[in-house]
Amino acid sequence: MEGLHNRRNKNVEDEAEFLDEQEQEQLLQTLRDQNNTANLTIQQGLIIIGCIASALFFHILFQSDSPIIPISEVFSTPTPSVLPIPALAALFSIVSISTSIFALVIKCKMNIFGLLESLSLKDQYTSGVVLASIITGFIAPCMSLFYRGSMIEFIYWSVPLLVLGMFYTALYMINQVQESLDELEKSKYKYKGA
């Protein structure tokens, strides 16, 4: 009899806790609100990172004929650019980062200053904008390879592609969380009546 008594007394912590419909709705809404707040913060941070990266290339635009690669001063001795027209490469890099930011704004439906509404841009334009960003981002690194620039210069001119990759890695992770929330919402009434 004692063995039966011991088996019947379950630990309360081991029992699953089921939420009623209202509690499930409230929990899901709280999770969605927290996710939306986190996503907005991440998206704003990505735009700030893009603007800071663009500033690196604006620096080249306003230097003399043989500008110094800004990141070379951090890692080694200052390295001048070997490109014949570094301002053109800097301009392509700025355009690449700007189009990356624009693609992020379209993809995340961030209506900054009413931009999306006034231009009537939808998700379908994102791939074209991303393609433009990739093409303009590849020009400067290719020029660096063609003119046999140093490794630090190649890395510098590759920053727009790294920014684009960072944007889409973050978007992938944001979408994964959103899909998980959607799956959770689909299963919210699975244990109804339990």
N, C-alpha and C. Protein backbone atom coordinates (compact mmCIF):
# COMPACT_ATOMS: atom_id res chain seq x y z
N MET A 1 0.81 -1.19 0.00
CA MET A 1 0.00 0.00 0.00
C MET A 1 0.86 1.26 0.00
N GLU A 2 1.98 1.16 0.69
CA GLU A 2 2.86 2.32 0.76
C GLU A 2 3.45 2.65 -0.61
N GLY A 3 3.77 1.62 -1.41
CA GLY A 3 4.29 1.84 -2.76
C GLY A 3 3.27 2.51 -3.65
N LEU A 4 2.01 2.15 -3.53
CA LEU A 4 0.95 2.78 -4.32
C LEU A 4 0.80 4.24 -3.92
N HIS A 5 0.88 4.51 -2.64
CA HIS A 5 0.75 5.88 -2.14
C HIS A 5 1.90 6.75 -2.68
N ASN A 6 3.11 6.19 -2.71
CA ASN A 6 4.25 6.94 -3.22
C ASN A 6 4.12 7.22 -4.71
N ARG A 7 3.55 6.31 -5.46
CA ARG A 7 3.39 6.52 -6.90
C ARG A 7 2.32 7.55 -7.21
N ARG A 8 1.31 7.64 -6.38
CA ARG A 8 0.20 8.56 -6.65
C ARG A 8 0.57 9.99 -6.32
N ASN A 9 1.49 10.23 -5.42
CA ASN A 9 1.88 11.59 -5.07
C ASN A 9 2.91 12.09 -6.09
N LYS A 10 2.44 12.83 -7.07
CA LYS A 10 3.34 13.38 -8.09
C LYS A 10 3.90 14.71 -7.61
N ASN A 11 5.05 14.98 -8.05
CA ASN A 11 5.65 16.26 -7.74
C ASN A 11 4.92 17.34 -8.54
N VAL A 12 4.51 18.40 -7.88
CA VAL A 12 3.75 19.45 -8.54
C VAL A 12 4.58 20.11 -9.64
N GLU A 13 5.89 20.18 -9.46
CA GLU A 13 6.75 20.81 -10.46
C GLU A 13 6.81 20.00 -11.75
N ASP A 14 6.58 18.68 -11.68
CA ASP A 14 6.64 17.83 -12.86
C ASP A 14 5.39 17.92 -13.72
N GLU A 15 4.31 18.41 -13.16
CA GLU A 15 3.06 18.48 -13.92
C GLU A 15 3.12 19.67 -14.87
N ALA A 16 2.63 19.48 -16.06
CA ALA A 16 2.60 20.55 -17.05
C ALA A 16 1.52 21.55 -16.66
N GLU A 17 1.82 22.83 -16.87
CA GLU A 17 0.85 23.86 -16.56
C GLU A 17 0.18 24.28 -17.86
N PHE A 18 -1.13 24.22 -17.88
CA PHE A 18 -1.88 24.60 -19.07
C PHE A 18 -2.53 25.95 -18.84
N LEU A 19 -2.46 26.79 -19.84
CA LEU A 19 -3.06 28.12 -19.76
C LEU A 19 -4.41 28.09 -20.46
N ASP A 20 -5.34 28.85 -19.92
CA ASP A 20 -6.62 28.94 -20.61
C ASP A 20 -6.47 29.86 -21.82
N GLU A 21 -7.53 29.98 -22.62
CA GLU A 21 -7.46 30.73 -23.88
C GLU A 21 -7.05 32.17 -23.67
N GLN A 22 -7.60 32.81 -22.66
CA GLN A 22 -7.29 34.21 -22.41
C GLN A 22 -5.83 34.38 -22.00
N GLU A 23 -5.33 33.50 -21.17
CA GLU A 23 -3.93 33.57 -20.76
C GLU A 23 -2.99 33.30 -21.93
N GLN A 24 -3.38 32.38 -22.81
CA GLN A 24 -2.59 32.11 -24.01
C GLN A 24 -2.54 33.34 -24.91
N GLU A 25 -3.69 33.97 -25.12
CA GLU A 25 -3.75 35.18 -25.95
C GLU A 25 -2.88 36.28 -25.36
N GLN A 26 -2.97 36.45 -24.05
CA GLN A 26 -2.22 37.49 -23.38
C GLN A 26 -0.71 37.22 -23.48
N LEU A 27 -0.32 35.98 -23.27
CA LEU A 27 1.09 35.61 -23.36
C LEU A 27 1.62 35.80 -24.78
N LEU A 28 0.85 35.37 -25.77
CA LEU A 28 1.27 35.54 -27.17
C LEU A 28 1.39 37.01 -27.54
N GLN A 29 0.44 37.83 -27.09
CA GLN A 29 0.50 39.26 -27.39
C GLN A 29 1.72 39.90 -26.74
N THR A 30 2.02 39.50 -25.51
CA THR A 30 3.21 40.01 -24.83
C THR A 30 4.48 39.61 -25.59
N LEU A 31 4.55 38.36 -26.02
CA LEU A 31 5.71 37.90 -26.79
C LEU A 31 5.84 38.65 -28.11
N ARG A 32 4.72 38.87 -28.80
CA ARG A 32 4.76 39.60 -30.07
C ARG A 32 5.20 41.05 -29.85
N ASP A 33 4.68 41.69 -28.80
CA ASP A 33 5.07 43.07 -28.52
C ASP A 33 6.56 43.17 -28.21
N GLN A 34 7.07 42.24 -27.40
CA GLN A 34 8.50 42.23 -27.08
C GLN A 34 9.33 41.98 -28.34
N ASN A 35 8.87 41.08 -29.19
CA ASN A 35 9.58 40.77 -30.43
C ASN A 35 9.59 41.98 -31.36
N ASN A 36 8.45 42.66 -31.49
CA ASN A 36 8.38 43.84 -32.37
C ASN A 36 9.29 44.95 -31.86
N THR A 37 9.32 45.15 -30.55
CA THR A 37 10.20 46.17 -29.98
C THR A 37 11.67 45.82 -30.23
N ALA A 38 12.02 44.56 -30.02
CA ALA A 38 13.40 44.12 -30.26
C ALA A 38 13.77 44.25 -31.74
N ASN A 39 12.85 43.87 -32.62
CA ASN A 39 13.11 43.96 -34.06
C ASN A 39 13.33 45.40 -34.49
N LEU A 40 12.51 46.32 -33.98
CA LEU A 40 12.66 47.72 -34.34
C LEU A 40 14.01 48.26 -33.87
N THR A 41 14.41 47.88 -32.68
CA THR A 41 15.71 48.30 -32.16
C THR A 41 16.85 47.76 -33.02
N ILE A 42 16.75 46.49 -33.40
CA ILE A 42 17.77 45.88 -34.26
C ILE A 42 17.82 46.59 -35.61
N GLN A 43 16.67 46.86 -36.20
CA GLN A 43 16.62 47.52 -37.50
C GLN A 43 17.21 48.92 -37.44
N GLN A 44 16.89 49.66 -36.38
CA GLN A 44 17.46 51.00 -36.23
C GLN A 44 18.97 50.92 -36.04
N GLY A 45 19.43 49.93 -35.27
CA GLY A 45 20.86 49.74 -35.09
C GLY A 45 21.57 49.41 -36.39
N LEU A 46 20.93 48.60 -37.22
CA LEU A 46 21.52 48.26 -38.53
C LEU A 46 21.64 49.50 -39.42
N ILE A 47 20.63 50.35 -39.38
CA ILE A 47 20.69 51.58 -40.17
C ILE A 47 21.82 52.48 -39.67
N ILE A 48 21.99 52.57 -38.36
CA ILE A 48 23.08 53.38 -37.80
C ILE A 48 24.44 52.81 -38.22
N ILE A 49 24.57 51.48 -38.17
CA ILE A 49 25.82 50.85 -38.61
C ILE A 49 26.08 51.16 -40.09
N GLY A 50 25.05 51.11 -40.91
CA GLY A 50 25.19 51.45 -42.32
C GLY A 50 25.65 52.89 -42.52
N CYS A 51 25.10 53.80 -41.73
CA CYS A 51 25.50 55.21 -41.83
C CYS A 51 26.95 55.42 -41.40
N ILE A 52 27.36 54.72 -40.35
CA ILE A 52 28.76 54.81 -39.90
C ILE A 52 29.70 54.25 -40.96
N ALA A 53 29.31 53.13 -41.58
CA ALA A 53 30.14 52.56 -42.65
C ALA A 53 30.23 53.52 -43.83
N SER A 54 29.13 54.19 -44.14
CA SER A 54 29.16 55.18 -45.23
C SER A 54 30.11 56.32 -44.92
N ALA A 55 30.18 56.70 -43.65
CA ALA A 55 31.08 57.79 -43.26
C ALA A 55 32.54 57.44 -43.57
N LEU A 56 32.90 56.16 -43.47
CA LEU A 56 34.26 55.74 -43.83
C LEU A 56 34.58 56.08 -45.29
N PHE A 57 33.58 55.97 -46.13
CA PHE A 57 33.81 56.22 -47.56
C PHE A 57 33.66 57.70 -47.92
N PHE A 58 32.85 58.43 -47.16
CA PHE A 58 32.79 59.88 -47.36
C PHE A 58 34.15 60.49 -47.04
N HIS A 59 34.86 59.89 -46.11
CA HIS A 59 36.20 60.34 -45.74
C HIS A 59 37.12 60.32 -46.97
N ILE A 60 37.01 59.30 -47.79
CA ILE A 60 37.84 59.18 -49.00
C ILE A 60 37.47 60.27 -50.01
N LEU A 61 36.19 60.60 -50.11
CA LEU A 61 35.75 61.59 -51.09
C LEU A 61 36.41 62.95 -50.87
N PHE A 62 36.68 63.28 -49.61
CA PHE A 62 37.19 64.61 -49.30
C PHE A 62 38.68 64.65 -49.05
N GLN A 63 39.40 63.60 -49.42
CA GLN A 63 40.85 63.60 -49.28
C GLN A 63 41.50 63.96 -50.62
N SER A 64 42.81 64.11 -50.56
CA SER A 64 43.57 64.49 -51.75
C SER A 64 43.64 63.36 -52.77
N ASP A 65 44.55 63.50 -53.75
CA ASP A 65 44.68 62.54 -54.84
C ASP A 65 45.00 61.12 -54.36
N SER A 66 45.80 60.99 -53.35
CA SER A 66 46.22 59.68 -52.85
C SER A 66 45.72 59.51 -51.41
N PRO A 67 44.42 59.20 -51.25
CA PRO A 67 43.87 59.13 -49.89
C PRO A 67 44.37 57.91 -49.12
N ILE A 68 44.43 58.08 -47.83
CA ILE A 68 44.84 57.00 -46.92
C ILE A 68 43.60 56.16 -46.59
N ILE A 69 43.76 54.84 -46.62
CA ILE A 69 42.67 53.93 -46.25
C ILE A 69 42.45 54.07 -44.74
N PRO A 70 41.25 54.51 -44.32
CA PRO A 70 41.03 54.79 -42.89
C PRO A 70 41.30 53.61 -41.96
N ILE A 71 40.93 52.40 -42.34
CA ILE A 71 41.13 51.28 -41.41
C ILE A 71 42.58 50.83 -41.36
N SER A 72 43.40 51.26 -42.32
CA SER A 72 44.82 50.87 -42.31
C SER A 72 45.55 51.55 -41.16
N GLU A 73 45.10 52.71 -40.74
CA GLU A 73 45.74 53.42 -39.64
C GLU A 73 45.56 52.69 -38.32
N VAL A 74 44.52 51.88 -38.23
CA VAL A 74 44.25 51.13 -37.00
C VAL A 74 45.10 49.88 -36.93
N PHE A 75 45.24 49.16 -38.03
CA PHE A 75 45.89 47.85 -38.03
C PHE A 75 47.38 47.89 -38.36
N SER A 76 47.83 48.87 -39.11
CA SER A 76 49.24 48.92 -39.50
C SER A 76 49.59 50.37 -39.81
N THR A 77 50.64 50.55 -40.56
CA THR A 77 51.01 51.90 -40.96
C THR A 77 50.00 52.41 -41.99
N PRO A 78 49.77 53.70 -42.03
CA PRO A 78 48.81 54.25 -43.00
C PRO A 78 49.13 53.82 -44.43
N THR A 79 48.12 53.30 -45.10
CA THR A 79 48.29 52.78 -46.46
C THR A 79 47.50 53.64 -47.43
N PRO A 80 48.19 54.22 -48.43
CA PRO A 80 47.44 54.98 -49.44
C PRO A 80 46.74 54.03 -50.41
N SER A 81 45.67 54.50 -50.97
CA SER A 81 44.93 53.69 -51.94
C SER A 81 45.70 53.63 -53.25
N VAL A 82 45.71 52.46 -53.89
CA VAL A 82 46.39 52.31 -55.17
C VAL A 82 45.44 52.56 -56.34
N LEU A 83 44.17 52.75 -56.06
CA LEU A 83 43.21 52.96 -57.14
C LEU A 83 43.45 54.30 -57.82
N PRO A 84 43.33 54.35 -59.15
CA PRO A 84 43.55 55.61 -59.85
C PRO A 84 42.46 56.65 -59.53
N ILE A 85 41.25 56.19 -59.30
CA ILE A 85 40.15 57.11 -58.97
C ILE A 85 39.46 56.59 -57.70
N PRO A 86 40.07 56.81 -56.54
CA PRO A 86 39.48 56.29 -55.31
C PRO A 86 38.13 56.93 -54.98
N ALA A 87 37.93 58.16 -55.44
CA ALA A 87 36.65 58.82 -55.18
C ALA A 87 35.50 58.07 -55.86
N LEU A 88 35.76 57.53 -57.05
CA LEU A 88 34.73 56.76 -57.76
C LEU A 88 34.41 55.47 -57.00
N ALA A 89 35.45 54.80 -56.51
CA ALA A 89 35.24 53.58 -55.72
C ALA A 89 34.48 53.90 -54.44
N ALA A 90 34.81 55.03 -53.81
CA ALA A 90 34.11 55.45 -52.59
C ALA A 90 32.65 55.75 -52.90
N LEU A 91 32.40 56.38 -54.05
CA LEU A 91 31.02 56.68 -54.44
C LEU A 91 30.22 55.40 -54.66
N PHE A 92 30.81 54.42 -55.33
CA PHE A 92 30.12 53.14 -55.52
C PHE A 92 29.85 52.46 -54.18
N SER A 93 30.80 52.56 -53.26
CA SER A 93 30.62 51.96 -51.93
C SER A 93 29.49 52.64 -51.17
N ILE A 94 29.42 53.96 -51.26
CA ILE A 94 28.35 54.70 -50.60
C ILE A 94 27.00 54.33 -51.20
N VAL A 95 26.95 54.21 -52.52
CA VAL A 95 25.70 53.81 -53.19
C VAL A 95 25.30 52.40 -52.75
N SER A 96 26.27 51.51 -52.64
CA SER A 96 25.98 50.14 -52.21
C SER A 96 25.39 50.10 -50.80
N ILE A 97 26.00 50.83 -49.89
CA ILE A 97 25.49 50.85 -48.51
C ILE A 97 24.12 51.53 -48.46
N SER A 98 23.95 52.60 -49.23
CA SER A 98 22.66 53.30 -49.25
C SER A 98 21.55 52.40 -49.78
N THR A 99 21.84 51.66 -50.84
CA THR A 99 20.82 50.75 -51.38
C THR A 99 20.57 49.58 -50.42
N SER A 100 21.59 49.17 -49.68
CA SER A 100 21.38 48.14 -48.65
C SER A 100 20.42 48.64 -47.57
N ILE A 101 20.64 49.87 -47.14
CA ILE A 101 19.75 50.47 -46.14
C ILE A 101 18.34 50.58 -46.71
N PHE A 102 18.24 51.01 -47.96
CA PHE A 102 16.94 51.15 -48.61
C PHE A 102 16.23 49.80 -48.70
N ALA A 103 16.98 48.75 -49.04
CA ALA A 103 16.39 47.40 -49.10
C ALA A 103 15.90 46.96 -47.72
N LEU A 104 16.67 47.29 -46.69
CA LEU A 104 16.26 46.97 -45.32
C LEU A 104 14.97 47.69 -44.95
N VAL A 105 14.87 48.94 -45.33
CA VAL A 105 13.66 49.73 -45.05
C VAL A 105 12.45 49.12 -45.76
N ILE A 106 12.63 48.72 -47.02
CA ILE A 106 11.53 48.11 -47.78
C ILE A 106 11.14 46.78 -47.16
N LYS A 107 12.14 45.94 -46.89
CA LYS A 107 11.87 44.59 -46.38
C LYS A 107 11.20 44.62 -45.01
N CYS A 108 11.60 45.55 -44.17
CA CYS A 108 11.04 45.63 -42.81
C CYS A 108 9.81 46.53 -42.74
N LYS A 109 9.44 47.09 -43.88
CA LYS A 109 8.27 47.96 -43.96
C LYS A 109 8.37 49.12 -42.96
N MET A 110 9.56 49.69 -42.88
CA MET A 110 9.80 50.83 -42.00
C MET A 110 9.42 52.09 -42.78
N ASN A 111 8.36 52.72 -42.40
CA ASN A 111 7.86 53.88 -43.12
C ASN A 111 8.53 55.15 -42.59
N ILE A 112 9.79 55.32 -42.93
CA ILE A 112 10.56 56.47 -42.47
C ILE A 112 10.16 57.70 -43.28
N PHE A 113 9.72 58.73 -42.59
CA PHE A 113 9.28 59.98 -43.20
C PHE A 113 8.22 59.77 -44.27
N GLY A 114 7.44 58.71 -44.18
CA GLY A 114 6.39 58.42 -45.17
C GLY A 114 6.94 57.98 -46.51
N LEU A 115 8.20 57.54 -46.52
CA LEU A 115 8.89 57.17 -47.75
C LEU A 115 8.21 56.02 -48.49
N LEU A 116 7.85 54.97 -47.76
CA LEU A 116 7.24 53.81 -48.42
C LEU A 116 5.87 54.15 -48.99
N GLU A 117 5.10 54.94 -48.27
CA GLU A 117 3.77 55.31 -48.77
C GLU A 117 3.88 56.20 -50.01
N SER A 118 4.79 57.17 -49.97
CA SER A 118 4.89 58.09 -51.10
C SER A 118 5.44 57.42 -52.35
N LEU A 119 6.32 56.45 -52.20
CA LEU A 119 6.89 55.76 -53.35
C LEU A 119 6.12 54.50 -53.74
N SER A 120 5.17 54.11 -52.92
CA SER A 120 4.36 52.90 -53.14
C SER A 120 5.24 51.67 -53.38
N LEU A 121 6.26 51.52 -52.56
CA LEU A 121 7.18 50.40 -52.71
C LEU A 121 6.69 49.20 -51.92
N LYS A 122 6.79 48.06 -52.53
CA LYS A 122 6.37 46.80 -51.91
C LYS A 122 7.58 45.87 -51.81
N ASP A 123 7.37 44.73 -51.21
CA ASP A 123 8.41 43.72 -51.04
C ASP A 123 9.00 43.24 -52.36
N GLN A 124 8.23 43.32 -53.44
CA GLN A 124 8.68 42.81 -54.73
C GLN A 124 9.89 43.57 -55.28
N TYR A 125 10.10 44.79 -54.82
CA TYR A 125 11.22 45.59 -55.31
C TYR A 125 12.51 45.30 -54.54
N THR A 126 12.41 44.57 -53.45
CA THR A 126 13.58 44.33 -52.61
C THR A 126 14.69 43.61 -53.37
N SER A 127 14.36 42.61 -54.15
CA SER A 127 15.40 41.85 -54.85
C SER A 127 16.16 42.72 -55.85
N GLY A 128 15.49 43.63 -56.52
CA GLY A 128 16.16 44.54 -57.45
C GLY A 128 17.09 45.49 -56.73
N VAL A 129 16.65 45.99 -55.58
CA VAL A 129 17.47 46.91 -54.80
C VAL A 129 18.69 46.17 -54.23
N VAL A 130 18.48 44.94 -53.78
CA VAL A 130 19.60 44.13 -53.27
C VAL A 130 20.59 43.83 -54.39
N LEU A 131 20.10 43.52 -55.57
CA LEU A 131 20.98 43.26 -56.71
C LEU A 131 21.82 44.50 -57.03
N ALA A 132 21.20 45.67 -57.00
CA ALA A 132 21.93 46.91 -57.23
C ALA A 132 23.00 47.11 -56.16
N SER A 133 22.67 46.77 -54.92
CA SER A 133 23.63 46.90 -53.83
C SER A 133 24.81 45.95 -54.01
N ILE A 134 24.52 44.74 -54.43
CA ILE A 134 25.59 43.75 -54.64
C ILE A 134 26.50 44.19 -55.78
N ILE A 135 25.92 44.61 -56.89
CA ILE A 135 26.72 45.02 -58.05
C ILE A 135 27.60 46.21 -57.71
N THR A 136 27.01 47.25 -57.10
CA THR A 136 27.81 48.43 -56.77
C THR A 136 28.82 48.11 -55.66
N GLY A 137 28.49 47.15 -54.81
CA GLY A 137 29.42 46.76 -53.75
C GLY A 137 30.61 45.97 -54.25
N PHE A 138 30.45 45.27 -55.38
CA PHE A 138 31.54 44.47 -55.94
C PHE A 138 32.53 45.30 -56.75
N ILE A 139 32.15 46.46 -57.21
CA ILE A 139 33.02 47.25 -58.10
C ILE A 139 34.33 47.64 -57.42
N ALA A 140 34.26 48.24 -56.23
CA ALA A 140 35.49 48.71 -55.57
C ALA A 140 36.43 47.56 -55.18
N PRO A 141 35.94 46.44 -54.60
CA PRO A 141 36.88 45.34 -54.32
C PRO A 141 37.52 44.77 -55.59
N CYS A 142 36.75 44.71 -56.67
CA CYS A 142 37.32 44.23 -57.94
C CYS A 142 38.39 45.18 -58.46
N MET A 143 38.14 46.49 -58.30
CA MET A 143 39.16 47.47 -58.70
C MET A 143 40.42 47.29 -57.85
N SER A 144 40.23 47.03 -56.56
CA SER A 144 41.37 46.83 -55.66
C SER A 144 42.19 45.61 -56.08
N LEU A 145 41.51 44.54 -56.45
CA LEU A 145 42.22 43.35 -56.93
C LEU A 145 42.92 43.61 -58.25
N PHE A 146 42.24 44.31 -59.15
CA PHE A 146 42.79 44.58 -60.48
C PHE A 146 44.06 45.43 -60.38
N TYR A 147 44.05 46.43 -59.49
CA TYR A 147 45.21 47.31 -59.34
C TYR A 147 46.19 46.81 -58.27
N ARG A 148 46.02 45.58 -57.85
CA ARG A 148 46.92 44.91 -56.90
C ARG A 148 47.10 45.70 -55.60
N GLY A 149 45.96 46.06 -55.02
CA GLY A 149 46.00 46.75 -53.73
C GLY A 149 46.35 45.79 -52.61
N SER A 150 46.65 46.34 -51.47
CA SER A 150 47.00 45.51 -50.32
C SER A 150 45.75 44.79 -49.79
N MET A 151 45.97 43.83 -48.92
CA MET A 151 44.86 43.08 -48.33
C MET A 151 43.96 44.01 -47.51
N ILE A 152 44.58 44.95 -46.80
CA ILE A 152 43.79 45.87 -45.97
C ILE A 152 42.91 46.75 -46.85
N GLU A 153 43.41 47.11 -48.03
CA GLU A 153 42.60 47.92 -48.94
C GLU A 153 41.45 47.10 -49.51
N PHE A 154 41.71 45.84 -49.84
CA PHE A 154 40.65 44.97 -50.32
C PHE A 154 39.56 44.80 -49.27
N ILE A 155 39.96 44.59 -48.03
CA ILE A 155 38.99 44.45 -46.93
C ILE A 155 38.18 45.74 -46.79
N TYR A 156 38.88 46.87 -46.87
CA TYR A 156 38.19 48.17 -46.76
C TYR A 156 37.13 48.33 -47.84
N TRP A 157 37.47 48.03 -49.07
CA TRP A 157 36.50 48.20 -50.15
C TRP A 157 35.41 47.13 -50.12
N SER A 158 35.62 46.06 -49.35
CA SER A 158 34.60 45.01 -49.21
C SER A 158 33.60 45.30 -48.09
N VAL A 159 33.78 46.37 -47.35
CA VAL A 159 32.88 46.70 -46.24
C VAL A 159 31.41 46.79 -46.68
N PRO A 160 31.08 47.39 -47.83
CA PRO A 160 29.66 47.42 -48.22
C PRO A 160 29.04 46.03 -48.36
N LEU A 161 29.80 45.07 -48.87
CA LEU A 161 29.28 43.71 -48.98
C LEU A 161 29.13 43.06 -47.60
N LEU A 162 30.04 43.38 -46.70
CA LEU A 162 29.92 42.87 -45.33
C LEU A 162 28.69 43.46 -44.64
N VAL A 163 28.43 44.74 -44.88
CA VAL A 163 27.24 45.39 -44.32
C VAL A 163 25.98 44.73 -44.86
N LEU A 164 25.94 44.49 -46.16
CA LEU A 164 24.78 43.83 -46.77
C LEU A 164 24.60 42.43 -46.18
N GLY A 165 25.68 41.69 -46.03
CA GLY A 165 25.60 40.37 -45.43
C GLY A 165 25.10 40.42 -43.99
N MET A 166 25.55 41.41 -43.25
CA MET A 166 25.10 41.57 -41.87
C MET A 166 23.60 41.89 -41.83
N PHE A 167 23.14 42.75 -42.73
CA PHE A 167 21.71 43.09 -42.79
C PHE A 167 20.87 41.85 -43.03
N TYR A 168 21.28 41.04 -43.98
CA TYR A 168 20.45 39.89 -44.32
C TYR A 168 20.58 38.74 -43.33
N THR A 169 21.70 38.67 -42.63
CA THR A 169 21.81 37.70 -41.53
C THR A 169 20.85 38.09 -40.41
N ALA A 170 20.82 39.37 -40.08
CA ALA A 170 19.90 39.85 -39.04
C ALA A 170 18.45 39.65 -39.47
N LEU A 171 18.13 39.93 -40.73
CA LEU A 171 16.76 39.72 -41.21
C LEU A 171 16.38 38.25 -41.17
N TYR A 172 17.31 37.37 -41.48
CA TYR A 172 17.04 35.94 -41.41
C TYR A 172 16.69 35.53 -39.98
N MET A 173 17.47 36.02 -39.02
CA MET A 173 17.20 35.68 -37.63
C MET A 173 15.87 36.27 -37.16
N ILE A 174 15.55 37.49 -37.58
CA ILE A 174 14.27 38.10 -37.24
C ILE A 174 13.12 37.27 -37.79
N ASN A 175 13.27 36.81 -39.03
CA ASN A 175 12.21 35.99 -39.64
C ASN A 175 12.08 34.64 -38.94
N GLN A 176 13.19 34.06 -38.48
CA GLN A 176 13.12 32.79 -37.76
C GLN A 176 12.31 32.94 -36.47
N VAL A 177 12.54 34.02 -35.74
CA VAL A 177 11.78 34.26 -34.51
C VAL A 177 10.31 34.47 -34.83
N GLN A 178 10.03 35.22 -35.90
CA GLN A 178 8.65 35.46 -36.30
C GLN A 178 7.95 34.15 -36.66
N GLU A 179 8.64 33.27 -37.37
CA GLU A 179 8.06 31.98 -37.73
C GLU A 179 7.80 31.13 -36.48
N SER A 180 8.69 31.21 -35.51
CA SER A 180 8.49 30.46 -34.26
C SER A 180 7.26 30.97 -33.52
N LEU A 181 7.08 32.29 -33.52
CA LEU A 181 5.88 32.85 -32.89
C LEU A 181 4.62 32.43 -33.62
N ASP A 182 4.69 32.39 -34.95
CA ASP A 182 3.53 31.95 -35.73
C ASP A 182 3.18 30.50 -35.43
N GLU A 183 4.20 29.65 -35.32
CA GLU A 183 3.97 28.24 -34.98
C GLU A 183 3.38 28.10 -33.58
N LEU A 184 3.86 28.93 -32.67
CA LEU A 184 3.32 28.91 -31.31
C LEU A 184 1.86 29.32 -31.30
N GLU A 185 1.53 30.31 -32.13
CA GLU A 185 0.14 30.76 -32.20
C GLU A 185 -0.76 29.68 -32.79
N LYS A 186 -0.25 28.94 -33.77
CA LYS A 186 -1.05 27.86 -34.37
C LYS A 186 -1.34 26.76 -33.36
N SER A 187 -0.43 26.55 -32.42
CA SER A 187 -0.61 25.46 -31.46
C SER A 187 -1.22 25.91 -30.14
N LYS A 188 -1.67 27.16 -30.06
CA LYS A 188 -2.10 27.68 -28.76
C LYS A 188 -3.33 27.00 -28.19
N TYR A 189 -4.21 26.49 -29.03
CA TYR A 189 -5.41 25.84 -28.50
C TYR A 189 -5.34 24.32 -28.62
N LYS A 190 -4.15 23.82 -28.82
CA LYS A 190 -3.98 22.38 -28.99
C LYS A 190 -4.43 21.60 -27.75
N TYR A 191 -4.19 22.18 -26.61
CA TYR A 191 -4.52 21.50 -25.36
C TYR A 191 -5.77 22.10 -24.72
N LYS A 192 -6.66 22.60 -25.53
CA LYS A 192 -7.89 23.22 -25.05
C LYS A 192 -8.68 22.20 -24.22
N GLY A 193 -9.13 22.65 -23.06
CA GLY A 193 -9.94 21.79 -22.20
C GLY A 193 -9.11 20.93 -21.28
N ALA A 194 -7.80 21.03 -21.36
CA ALA A 194 -6.97 20.17 -20.50
C ALA A 194 -6.89 20.76 -19.11
